[in-house]
Amino acid sequence: MSERMAPFHCPYCGEESLEPRDENPGAWFCPDCLRSFSLKFLGVGAPRAASKEVPR
């Protein structure tokens, strides 16, 4: 398994021509919409303590 999983498309414009940015782990650049974004894997499954608070 590699350290960096590549996203399949840009979350902003949907294009697939993404380039990794070396400044930060998980950072990507989309040359089509000129946006940079980062991805972070948080885990699998439900959170440990579900909040009972109703969102507003």
PDB file of N, CA and C in Angstrom:
ATOM      1  N   MET A   1       0.853  -1.183   0.000  1.00  0.00           N
ATOM      2  CA  MET A   1       0.000   0.000   0.000  1.00  0.00           C
ATOM      3  C   MET A   1       0.893   1.238   0.000  1.00  0.00           C
ATOM      4  N   SER A   2       0.527   2.207  -0.795  1.00  0.00           N
ATOM      5  CA  SER A   2       1.341   3.418  -0.868  1.00  0.00           C
ATOM      6  C   SER A   2       0.948   4.397   0.232  1.00  0.00           C
ATOM      7  N   GLU A   3       1.834   5.346   0.494  1.00  0.00           N
ATOM      8  CA  GLU A   3       1.552   6.362   1.505  1.00  0.00           C
ATOM      9  C   GLU A   3       0.487   7.334   1.043  1.00  0.00           C
ATOM     10  N   ARG A   4       0.431   7.612  -0.245  1.00  0.00           N
ATOM     11  CA  ARG A   4      -0.477   8.628  -0.766  1.00  0.00           C
ATOM     12  C   ARG A   4      -1.459   8.002  -1.751  1.00  0.00           C
ATOM     13  N   MET A   5      -2.737   8.054  -1.420  1.00  0.00           N
ATOM     14  CA  MET A   5      -3.767   7.628  -2.360  1.00  0.00           C
ATOM     15  C   MET A   5      -4.138   8.821  -3.218  1.00  0.00           C
ATOM     16  N   ALA A   6      -4.249   8.608  -4.483  1.00  0.00           N
ATOM     17  CA  ALA A   6      -4.590   9.693  -5.397  1.00  0.00           C
ATOM     18  C   ALA A   6      -6.104   9.825  -5.509  1.00  0.00           C
ATOM     19  N   PRO A   7      -6.626  11.045  -5.399  1.00  0.00           N
ATOM     20  CA  PRO A   7      -8.059  11.241  -5.635  1.00  0.00           C
ATOM     21  C   PRO A   7      -8.349  11.039  -7.117  1.00  0.00           C
ATOM     22  N   PHE A   8      -9.554  10.613  -7.437  1.00  0.00           N
ATOM     23  CA  PHE A   8      -9.919  10.357  -8.828  1.00  0.00           C
ATOM     24  C   PHE A   8     -10.327  11.614  -9.576  1.00  0.00           C
ATOM     25  N   HIS A   9     -10.830  12.612  -8.851  1.00  0.00           N
ATOM     26  CA  HIS A   9     -11.266  13.842  -9.513  1.00  0.00           C
ATOM     27  C   HIS A   9     -11.213  15.017  -8.538  1.00  0.00           C
ATOM     28  N   CYS A  10     -11.219  16.215  -9.088  1.00  0.00           N
ATOM     29  CA  CYS A  10     -11.215  17.445  -8.293  1.00  0.00           C
ATOM     30  C   CYS A  10     -12.585  17.616  -7.631  1.00  0.00           C
ATOM     31  N   PRO A  11     -12.637  17.898  -6.329  1.00  0.00           N
ATOM     32  CA  PRO A  11     -13.930  18.077  -5.665  1.00  0.00           C
ATOM     33  C   PRO A  11     -14.650  19.358  -6.077  1.00  0.00           C
ATOM     34  N   TYR A  12     -13.969  20.269  -6.757  1.00  0.00           N
ATOM     35  CA  TYR A  12     -14.574  21.542  -7.156  1.00  0.00           C
ATOM     36  C   TYR A  12     -15.106  21.520  -8.585  1.00  0.00           C
ATOM     37  N   CYS A  13     -14.302  21.012  -9.526  1.00  0.00           N
ATOM     38  CA  CYS A  13     -14.725  21.069 -10.930  1.00  0.00           C
ATOM     39  C   CYS A  13     -14.951  19.693 -11.548  1.00  0.00           C
ATOM     40  N   GLY A  14     -14.490  18.633 -10.890  1.00  0.00           N
ATOM     41  CA  GLY A  14     -14.719  17.283 -11.390  1.00  0.00           C
ATOM     42  C   GLY A  14     -13.691  16.773 -12.386  1.00  0.00           C
ATOM     43  N   GLU A  15     -12.726  17.589 -12.754  1.00  0.00           N
ATOM     44  CA  GLU A  15     -11.700  17.150 -13.704  1.00  0.00           C
ATOM     45  C   GLU A  15     -10.773  16.124 -13.061  1.00  0.00           C
ATOM     46  N   GLU A  16     -10.116  15.334 -13.894  1.00  0.00           N
ATOM     47  CA  GLU A  16      -9.280  14.246 -13.398  1.00  0.00           C
ATOM     48  C   GLU A  16      -7.786  14.504 -13.510  1.00  0.00           C
ATOM     49  N   SER A  17      -7.375  15.638 -14.023  1.00  0.00           N
ATOM     50  CA  SER A  17      -5.945  15.919 -14.218  1.00  0.00           C
ATOM     51  C   SER A  17      -5.370  16.619 -12.990  1.00  0.00           C
ATOM     52  N   LEU A  18      -5.167  15.873 -11.915  1.00  0.00           N
ATOM     53  CA  LEU A  18      -4.665  16.434 -10.660  1.00  0.00           C
ATOM     54  C   LEU A  18      -3.163  16.211 -10.537  1.00  0.00           C
ATOM     55  N   GLU A  19      -2.510  17.130  -9.852  1.00  0.00           N
ATOM     56  CA  GLU A  19      -1.071  17.041  -9.623  1.00  0.00           C
ATOM     57  C   GLU A  19      -0.818  17.102  -8.119  1.00  0.00           C
ATOM     58  N   PRO A  20       0.051  16.225  -7.600  1.00  0.00           N
ATOM     59  CA  PRO A  20       0.363  16.293  -6.165  1.00  0.00           C
ATOM     60  C   PRO A  20       1.175  17.533  -5.841  1.00  0.00           C
ATOM     61  N   ARG A  21       0.927  18.099  -4.676  1.00  0.00           N
ATOM     62  CA  ARG A  21       1.732  19.228  -4.179  1.00  0.00           C
ATOM     63  C   ARG A  21       2.634  18.677  -3.096  1.00  0.00           C
ATOM     64  N   ASP A  22       3.906  18.990  -3.187  1.00  0.00           N
ATOM     65  CA  ASP A  22       4.881  18.405  -2.269  1.00  0.00           C
ATOM     66  C   ASP A  22       4.994  19.145  -0.947  1.00  0.00           C
ATOM     67  N   GLU A  23       4.383  20.323  -0.830  1.00  0.00           N
ATOM     68  CA  GLU A  23       4.516  21.109   0.404  1.00  0.00           C
ATOM     69  C   GLU A  23       3.877  20.404   1.596  1.00  0.00           C
ATOM     70  N   ASN A  24       2.703  19.837   1.396  1.00  0.00           N
ATOM     71  CA  ASN A  24       1.959  19.199   2.486  1.00  0.00           C
ATOM     72  C   ASN A  24       1.514  17.805   2.056  1.00  0.00           C
ATOM     73  N   PRO A  25       1.595  16.819   2.944  1.00  0.00           N
ATOM     74  CA  PRO A  25       1.086  15.492   2.604  1.00  0.00           C
ATOM     75  C   PRO A  25      -0.419  15.551   2.348  1.00  0.00           C
ATOM     76  N   GLY A  26      -0.873  14.910   1.299  1.00  0.00           N
ATOM     77  CA  GLY A  26      -2.294  14.897   0.973  1.00  0.00           C
ATOM     78  C   GLY A  26      -2.767  16.118   0.223  1.00  0.00           C
ATOM     79  N   ALA A  27      -1.851  16.996  -0.196  1.00  0.00           N
ATOM     80  CA  ALA A  27      -2.231  18.215  -0.915  1.00  0.00           C
ATOM     81  C   ALA A  27      -2.187  17.971  -2.420  1.00  0.00           C
ATOM     82  N   TRP A  28      -3.177  18.497  -3.128  1.00  0.00           N
ATOM     83  CA  TRP A  28      -3.301  18.321  -4.570  1.00  0.00           C
ATOM     84  C   TRP A  28      -3.610  19.650  -5.232  1.00  0.00           C
ATOM     85  N   PHE A  29      -3.242  19.766  -6.510  1.00  0.00           N
ATOM     86  CA  PHE A  29      -3.501  20.963  -7.308  1.00  0.00           C
ATOM     87  C   PHE A  29      -4.257  20.552  -8.559  1.00  0.00           C
ATOM     88  N   CYS A  30      -5.302  21.296  -8.899  1.00  0.00           N
ATOM     89  CA  CYS A  30      -6.068  21.066 -10.123  1.00  0.00           C
ATOM     90  C   CYS A  30      -5.719  22.169 -11.115  1.00  0.00           C
ATOM     91  N   PRO A  31      -5.012  21.849 -12.207  1.00  0.00           N
ATOM     92  CA  PRO A  31      -4.652  22.875 -13.184  1.00  0.00           C
ATOM     93  C   PRO A  31      -5.845  23.377 -13.999  1.00  0.00           C
ATOM     94  N   ASP A  32      -6.967  22.660 -13.979  1.00  0.00           N
ATOM     95  CA  ASP A  32      -8.138  23.090 -14.742  1.00  0.00           C
ATOM     96  C   ASP A  32      -8.882  24.240 -14.072  1.00  0.00           C
ATOM     97  N   CYS A  33      -9.081  24.161 -12.755  1.00  0.00           N
ATOM     98  CA  CYS A  33      -9.787  25.241 -12.054  1.00  0.00           C
ATOM     99  C   CYS A  33      -8.844  26.072 -11.185  1.00  0.00           C
ATOM    100  N   LEU A  34      -7.546  25.725 -11.207  1.00  0.00           N
ATOM    101  CA  LEU A  34      -6.499  26.458 -10.482  1.00  0.00           C
ATOM    102  C   LEU A  34      -6.720  26.466  -8.969  1.00  0.00           C
ATOM    103  N   ARG A  35      -7.303  25.397  -8.438  1.00  0.00           N
ATOM    104  CA  ARG A  35      -7.521  25.299  -6.997  1.00  0.00           C
ATOM    105  C   ARG A  35      -6.599  24.243  -6.399  1.00  0.00           C
ATOM    106  N   SER A  36      -6.215  24.488  -5.167  1.00  0.00           N
ATOM    107  CA  SER A  36      -5.451  23.515  -4.393  1.00  0.00           C
ATOM    108  C   SER A  36      -6.323  23.051  -3.237  1.00  0.00           C
ATOM    109  N   PHE A  37      -6.194  21.784  -2.888  1.00  0.00           N
ATOM    110  CA  PHE A  37      -6.975  21.239  -1.784  1.00  0.00           C
ATOM    111  C   PHE A  37      -6.177  20.120  -1.134  1.00  0.00           C
ATOM    112  N   SER A  38      -6.591  19.735   0.064  1.00  0.00           N
ATOM    113  CA  SER A  38      -5.920  18.632   0.740  1.00  0.00           C
ATOM    114  C   SER A  38      -6.950  17.615   1.202  1.00  0.00           C
ATOM    115  N   LEU A  39      -6.506  16.380   1.301  1.00  0.00           N
ATOM    116  CA  LEU A  39      -7.346  15.277   1.740  1.00  0.00           C
ATOM    117  C   LEU A  39      -6.737  14.669   2.987  1.00  0.00           C
ATOM    118  N   LYS A  40      -7.602  14.237   3.896  1.00  0.00           N
ATOM    119  CA  LYS A  40      -7.128  13.587   5.108  1.00  0.00           C
ATOM    120  C   LYS A  40      -8.088  12.460   5.450  1.00  0.00           C
ATOM    121  N   PHE A  41      -7.570  11.268   5.592  1.00  0.00           N
ATOM    122  CA  PHE A  41      -8.378  10.118   5.962  1.00  0.00           C
ATOM    123  C   PHE A  41      -8.600  10.136   7.468  1.00  0.00           C
ATOM    124  N   LEU A  42      -9.838  10.103   7.893  1.00  0.00           N
ATOM    125  CA  LEU A  42     -10.159  10.203   9.319  1.00  0.00           C
ATOM    126  C   LEU A  42     -10.452   8.858   9.967  1.00  0.00           C
ATOM    127  N   GLY A  43     -10.843   7.856   9.198  1.00  0.00           N
ATOM    128  CA  GLY A  43     -11.106   6.551   9.777  1.00  0.00           C
ATOM    129  C   GLY A  43     -12.251   5.847   9.085  1.00  0.00           C
ATOM    130  N   VAL A  44     -12.577   4.669   9.590  1.00  0.00           N
ATOM    131  CA  VAL A  44     -13.638   3.853   9.026  1.00  0.00           C
ATOM    132  C   VAL A  44     -14.685   3.613  10.105  1.00  0.00           C
ATOM    133  N   GLY A  45     -15.959   3.687   9.736  1.00  0.00           N
ATOM    134  CA  GLY A  45     -17.028   3.393  10.682  1.00  0.00           C
ATOM    135  C   GLY A  45     -17.615   4.640  11.310  1.00  0.00           C
ATOM    136  N   ALA A  46     -18.500   4.408  12.245  1.00  0.00           N
ATOM    137  CA  ALA A  46     -19.200   5.496  12.923  1.00  0.00           C
ATOM    138  C   ALA A  46     -18.313   6.124  13.990  1.00  0.00           C
ATOM    139  N   PRO A  47     -18.546   7.404  14.312  1.00  0.00           N
ATOM    140  CA  PRO A  47     -17.792   8.036  15.396  1.00  0.00           C
ATOM    141  C   PRO A  47     -18.071   7.334  16.726  1.00  0.00           C
ATOM    142  N   ARG A  48     -17.141   7.435  17.661  1.00  0.00           N
ATOM    143  CA  ARG A  48     -17.293   6.754  18.953  1.00  0.00           C
ATOM    144  C   ARG A  48     -18.479   7.270  19.745  1.00  0.00           C
ATOM    145  N   ALA A  49     -18.624   8.583  19.835  1.00  0.00           N
ATOM    146  CA  ALA A  49     -19.722   9.177  20.598  1.00  0.00           C
ATOM    147  C   ALA A  49     -20.577  10.004  19.652  1.00  0.00           C
ATOM    148  N   ALA A  50     -21.756   9.496  19.350  1.00  0.00           N
ATOM    149  CA  ALA A  50     -22.659  10.225  18.468  1.00  0.00           C
ATOM    150  C   ALA A  50     -23.324  11.347  19.249  1.00  0.00           C
ATOM    151  N   SER A  51     -23.358  12.516  18.660  1.00  0.00           N
ATOM    152  CA  SER A  51     -23.967  13.669  19.306  1.00  0.00           C
ATOM    153  C   SER A  51     -25.480  13.593  19.173  1.00  0.00           C
ATOM    154  N   LYS A  52     -26.198  13.869  20.260  1.00  0.00           N
ATOM    155  CA  LYS A  52     -27.659  13.872  20.234  1.00  0.00           C
ATOM    156  C   LYS A  52     -28.200  15.265  19.970  1.00  0.00           C
ATOM    157  N   GLU A  53     -27.305  16.203  19.754  1.00  0.00           N
ATOM    158  CA  GLU A  53     -27.693  17.583  19.503  1.00  0.00           C
ATOM    159  C   GLU A  53     -28.272  17.707  18.094  1.00  0.00           C
ATOM    160  N   VAL A  54     -29.361  18.437  17.963  1.00  0.00           N
ATOM    161  CA  VAL A  54     -30.004  18.634  16.665  1.00  0.00           C
ATOM    162  C   VAL A  54     -29.282  19.762  15.930  1.00  0.00           C
ATOM    163  N   PRO A  55     -28.835  19.511  14.678  1.00  0.00           N
ATOM    164  CA  PRO A  55     -28.167  20.585  13.927  1.00  0.00           C
ATOM    165  C   PRO A  55     -29.129  21.713  13.601  1.00  0.00           C
ATOM    166  N   ARG A  56     -28.624  22.934  13.586  1.00  0.00           N
ATOM    167  CA  ARG A  56     -29.481  24.099  13.301  1.00  0.00           C
ATOM    168  C   ARG A  56     -29.285  24.575  11.908  1.00  0.00           C
TER     169      ARG A  56
END
